[in-house]
Amino acid sequence: MDGRIDLHTHTLFSDGALLPSELLRRAVSRGFTGLALTDHADASNLEGVIASLLRFAADQKDDFELALLVGVELTHVAPRSIAALARRAKAAGAHLVVVHGETLVEPVAPGTNRAALECADVDILAHPGLLTSEEAGLAAANGIYLELSTRRGHCLANGRVAALAREVGAALVVNSDAHDPSDLADLEMARRVALGAGLTPAEAEEALHAAPAALLRQALERRLR
């Protein structure tokens, strides 16, 4: 896919501003070819959010010209609960599980990054903040993607994440963590964020195209099983 693929966005099913239809329509108008709806979830709302988004995806699958994934972002979940909730999410039909990493601007529980990166049911560790070299190695070994974020605040550690990912060969994706229309970063902005994090042009293209396309294909294949 040559257009923008964004695998971390939110709708009004959690704290986003838009209905899924409006978010997708705005994404299509900005040249997006793939999008994941990954609303915030914990044990209180996990199955309900997934069921609502799956119903939307089934009923309106032909309304928008892009590949659509349904997922969740496990948010401020204690490290010891991440594996069980990620399994529950996949069992409930989620195509993608994102974990809210140890961003610099929120009080995420220490140990969240490691717990996510040790979990076979997690696909993306979002905005992982002061990621360690050992944690980056876990991402590479376990095939979990590390996120470079275009979102204000969460982007502050992008340079560190990019450098550690390069050292160990971990895969990177560039996501918007969009909560309202102004957050949706188009392809040019996402490219600038990737380059600003210290990626070479070739590495930026990998993080913008090949890596998210591969994860999108994997998730779609799981959905068809």
Protein backbone atom coordinates (compact mmCIF):
# COMPACT_ATOMS: atom_id res chain seq x y z
CA MET A 1 0.00 0.00 0.00
CA ASP A 2 1.43 3.38 -1.02
CA GLY A 3 -0.85 5.57 1.10
CA ARG A 4 -0.77 6.29 4.81
CA ILE A 5 -1.39 3.38 7.20
CA ASP A 6 -2.16 4.37 10.81
CA LEU A 7 -2.58 1.58 13.34
CA HIS A 8 -3.47 3.59 16.47
CA THR A 9 -6.58 5.79 16.57
CA HIS A 10 -9.53 6.44 18.89
CA THR A 11 -13.25 7.02 18.44
CA LEU A 12 -16.00 8.16 20.79
CA PHE A 13 -16.21 4.57 22.04
CA SER A 14 -13.42 5.71 24.36
CA ASP A 15 -12.05 9.26 24.50
CA GLY A 16 -11.99 10.14 20.81
CA ALA A 17 -14.13 12.92 19.37
CA LEU A 18 -15.54 11.16 16.30
CA LEU A 19 -17.81 8.34 15.28
CA PRO A 20 -15.96 5.59 13.39
CA SER A 21 -17.61 6.70 10.13
CA GLU A 22 -16.40 10.28 10.49
CA LEU A 23 -12.89 9.23 11.44
CA LEU A 24 -12.66 6.90 8.44
CA ARG A 25 -14.08 9.47 6.06
CA ARG A 26 -11.55 12.05 7.21
CA ALA A 27 -8.76 9.48 6.89
CA VAL A 28 -9.77 8.57 3.33
CA SER A 29 -9.89 12.25 2.37
CA ARG A 30 -6.28 12.61 3.55
CA GLY A 31 -4.96 9.71 1.52
CA PHE A 32 -5.02 6.94 4.12
CA THR A 33 -5.22 3.38 2.78
CA GLY A 34 -5.29 1.52 6.11
CA LEU A 35 -6.58 2.38 9.59
CA ALA A 36 -6.95 0.60 12.92
CA LEU A 37 -9.58 1.68 15.43
CA THR A 38 -7.93 0.99 18.80
CA ASP A 39 -10.05 2.47 21.55
CA HIS A 40 -8.82 2.51 25.14
CA ALA A 41 -9.81 -0.60 27.06
CA ASP A 42 -9.40 -2.47 30.31
CA ALA A 43 -11.41 -5.24 31.97
CA SER A 44 -14.44 -2.96 32.35
CA ASN A 45 -15.15 -2.35 28.66
CA LEU A 46 -12.97 -4.67 26.59
CA GLU A 47 -15.59 -6.92 25.03
CA GLY A 48 -18.13 -4.12 24.59
CA VAL A 49 -15.76 -1.88 22.67
CA ILE A 50 -14.61 -4.72 20.43
CA ALA A 51 -18.18 -5.87 19.74
CA SER A 52 -19.28 -2.33 18.81
CA LEU A 53 -16.36 -1.79 16.46
CA LEU A 54 -16.72 -5.24 14.88
CA ARG A 55 -20.41 -4.53 14.25
CA PHE A 56 -19.48 -1.26 12.59
CA ALA A 57 -16.82 -2.96 10.48
CA ALA A 58 -19.22 -5.69 9.38
CA ASP A 59 -22.17 -3.41 8.59
CA GLN A 60 -20.20 -0.66 6.84
CA LYS A 61 -17.21 -2.55 5.43
CA ASP A 62 -17.83 -1.27 1.91
CA ASP A 63 -18.46 2.37 2.82
CA PHE A 64 -14.82 3.44 2.90
CA GLU A 65 -11.99 2.74 0.50
CA LEU A 66 -9.38 1.62 2.98
CA ALA A 67 -8.38 -1.50 4.90
CA LEU A 68 -9.94 -1.41 8.37
CA LEU A 69 -8.78 -3.21 11.51
CA VAL A 70 -10.58 -3.41 14.84
CA GLY A 71 -8.40 -3.33 17.92
CA VAL A 72 -7.97 -1.98 21.41
CA GLU A 73 -5.32 -0.08 23.31
CA LEU A 74 -4.86 -1.57 26.77
CA THR A 75 -4.41 1.59 28.82
CA HIS A 76 -3.04 2.04 32.35
CA VAL A 77 -3.49 -1.68 32.91
CA ALA A 78 -1.25 -3.13 35.63
CA PRO A 79 1.64 -5.07 34.09
CA ARG A 80 0.45 -8.32 35.68
CA SER A 81 -2.94 -8.00 33.89
CA ILE A 82 -1.68 -7.25 30.38
CA ALA A 83 -1.27 -10.83 29.15
CA ALA A 84 -4.72 -11.97 30.32
CA LEU A 85 -6.46 -8.93 28.85
CA ALA A 86 -4.57 -9.20 25.55
CA ARG A 87 -5.71 -12.83 25.28
CA ARG A 88 -9.29 -11.76 26.06
CA ALA A 89 -9.12 -9.11 23.36
CA LYS A 90 -7.99 -11.56 20.70
CA ALA A 91 -10.60 -14.10 21.86
CA ALA A 92 -13.27 -11.39 21.53
CA GLY A 93 -12.28 -10.81 17.92
CA ALA A 94 -9.80 -7.95 18.06
CA HIS A 95 -7.51 -7.97 15.04
CA LEU A 96 -4.87 -5.89 16.79
CA VAL A 97 -3.79 -5.29 20.39
CA VAL A 98 -1.88 -2.13 21.25
CA VAL A 99 -0.50 -1.48 24.73
CA HIS A 100 -0.23 2.07 26.08
CA GLY A 101 3.48 2.26 26.82
CA GLU A 102 5.42 4.17 29.45
CA THR A 103 5.07 7.57 27.82
CA LEU A 104 6.97 10.47 29.42
CA VAL A 105 3.84 12.54 30.06
CA GLU A 106 1.55 10.10 31.88
CA PRO A 107 1.85 8.03 35.08
CA VAL A 108 1.98 4.63 33.40
CA ALA A 109 2.94 1.84 35.80
CA PRO A 110 6.62 0.87 35.68
CA GLY A 111 7.04 -2.52 34.07
CA THR A 112 4.30 -1.93 31.49
CA ASN A 113 6.73 -1.91 28.56
CA ARG A 114 8.33 -5.21 29.57
CA ALA A 115 5.01 -6.93 30.27
CA ALA A 116 3.70 -5.91 26.86
CA LEU A 117 6.84 -7.01 25.05
CA GLU A 118 6.77 -10.42 26.71
CA CYS A 119 3.15 -11.05 25.59
CA ALA A 120 2.50 -13.06 22.44
CA ASP A 121 -0.92 -11.43 21.96
CA VAL A 122 0.41 -7.85 21.82
CA ASP A 123 1.11 -6.38 18.38
CA ILE A 124 2.28 -2.81 19.08
CA LEU A 125 3.85 -1.09 22.05
CA ALA A 126 2.71 2.51 21.73
CA HIS A 127 4.87 5.52 22.66
CA PRO A 128 7.17 3.51 24.95
CA GLY A 129 9.02 6.51 26.40
CA LEU A 130 12.38 5.73 27.98
CA LEU A 131 12.55 2.28 26.46
CA THR A 132 15.59 0.25 27.53
CA SER A 133 17.95 -1.62 25.25
CA GLU A 134 16.81 -4.90 26.80
CA GLU A 135 13.16 -4.04 26.14
CA ALA A 136 13.93 -3.13 22.54
CA GLY A 137 15.60 -6.52 22.21
CA LEU A 138 12.42 -8.20 23.46
CA ALA A 139 10.44 -6.34 20.79
CA ALA A 140 12.80 -7.61 18.10
CA ALA A 141 12.83 -11.18 19.43
CA ASN A 142 9.05 -11.40 19.84
CA GLY A 143 8.03 -9.60 16.66
CA ILE A 144 6.29 -6.73 18.45
CA TYR A 145 6.29 -3.38 16.71
CA LEU A 146 7.51 -0.24 18.46
CA GLU A 147 5.66 3.00 17.80
CA LEU A 148 6.99 6.38 16.82
CA SER A 149 4.19 8.76 17.74
CA THR A 150 3.13 11.94 15.98
CA ARG A 151 1.09 12.94 19.05
CA ARG A 152 2.20 15.90 21.15
CA GLY A 153 3.95 14.82 24.35
CA HIS A 154 4.08 11.17 23.38
CA CYS A 155 6.57 12.03 20.62
CA LEU A 156 9.21 13.33 23.05
CA ALA A 157 11.10 10.03 23.22
CA ASN A 158 10.84 9.13 19.52
CA GLY A 159 14.57 9.66 19.01
CA ARG A 160 15.48 7.20 21.75
CA VAL A 161 13.00 4.60 20.50
CA ALA A 162 14.30 4.92 16.94
CA ALA A 163 17.94 4.59 18.00
CA LEU A 164 17.35 1.52 20.15
CA ALA A 165 15.19 -0.11 17.48
CA ARG A 166 18.02 0.34 14.97
CA GLU A 167 20.55 -1.25 17.35
CA VAL A 168 18.55 -4.45 17.80
CA GLY A 169 16.60 -4.66 14.54
CA ALA A 170 13.15 -4.04 16.03
CA ALA A 171 10.39 -3.00 13.66
CA LEU A 172 8.97 0.51 13.86
CA VAL A 173 5.62 1.96 12.82
CA VAL A 174 4.58 5.63 12.80
CA ASN A 175 1.13 6.16 14.32
CA SER A 176 -0.94 9.23 15.17
CA ASP A 177 -2.77 8.12 18.34
CA ALA A 178 -5.53 10.32 16.90
CA HIS A 179 -8.28 11.46 19.26
CA ASP A 180 -9.72 14.25 17.11
CA PRO A 181 -9.44 15.32 13.45
CA SER A 182 -6.44 17.56 14.03
CA ASP A 183 -4.42 14.58 15.29
CA LEU A 184 -4.56 12.60 12.04
CA ALA A 185 -1.06 12.92 10.63
CA ASP A 186 -1.00 12.52 6.86
CA LEU A 187 1.85 10.79 5.06
CA GLU A 188 4.03 13.88 4.71
CA MET A 189 3.74 14.80 8.38
CA ALA A 190 4.37 11.21 9.44
CA ARG A 191 7.47 11.16 7.23
CA ARG A 192 8.76 14.36 8.83
CA VAL A 193 8.25 12.90 12.30
CA ALA A 194 10.13 9.74 11.33
CA LEU A 195 13.04 11.73 9.92
CA GLY A 196 12.99 14.01 12.94
CA ALA A 197 13.39 10.95 15.16
CA GLY A 198 16.68 10.25 13.39
CA LEU A 199 15.63 7.65 10.85
CA THR A 200 17.34 7.64 7.49
CA PRO A 201 15.06 8.17 4.48
CA ALA A 202 15.14 4.42 3.80
CA GLU A 203 14.33 3.59 7.43
CA ALA A 204 11.51 6.14 7.40
CA GLU A 205 9.97 4.53 4.32
CA GLU A 206 10.18 1.13 6.03
CA ALA A 207 8.38 2.46 9.11
CA LEU A 208 5.76 4.25 7.00
CA HIS A 209 5.04 1.57 4.41
CA ALA A 210 6.57 -1.90 4.61
CA ALA A 211 6.30 -2.42 8.37
CA PRO A 212 2.68 -1.26 8.85
CA ALA A 213 1.63 -3.04 5.65
CA ALA A 214 3.12 -6.29 6.96
CA LEU A 215 1.32 -5.92 10.30
CA LEU A 216 -1.91 -5.04 8.49
CA ARG A 217 -1.61 -8.19 6.35
CA GLN A 218 -0.95 -10.35 9.39
CA ALA A 219 -3.98 -8.96 11.18
CA LEU A 220 -6.23 -9.39 8.13
CA GLU A 221 -5.06 -12.98 7.73
CA ARG A 222 -5.90 -13.70 11.37
CA ARG A 223 -9.32 -12.15 10.84
CA LEU A 224 -10.05 -14.57 7.98
CA ARG A 225 -9.12 -17.72 9.92
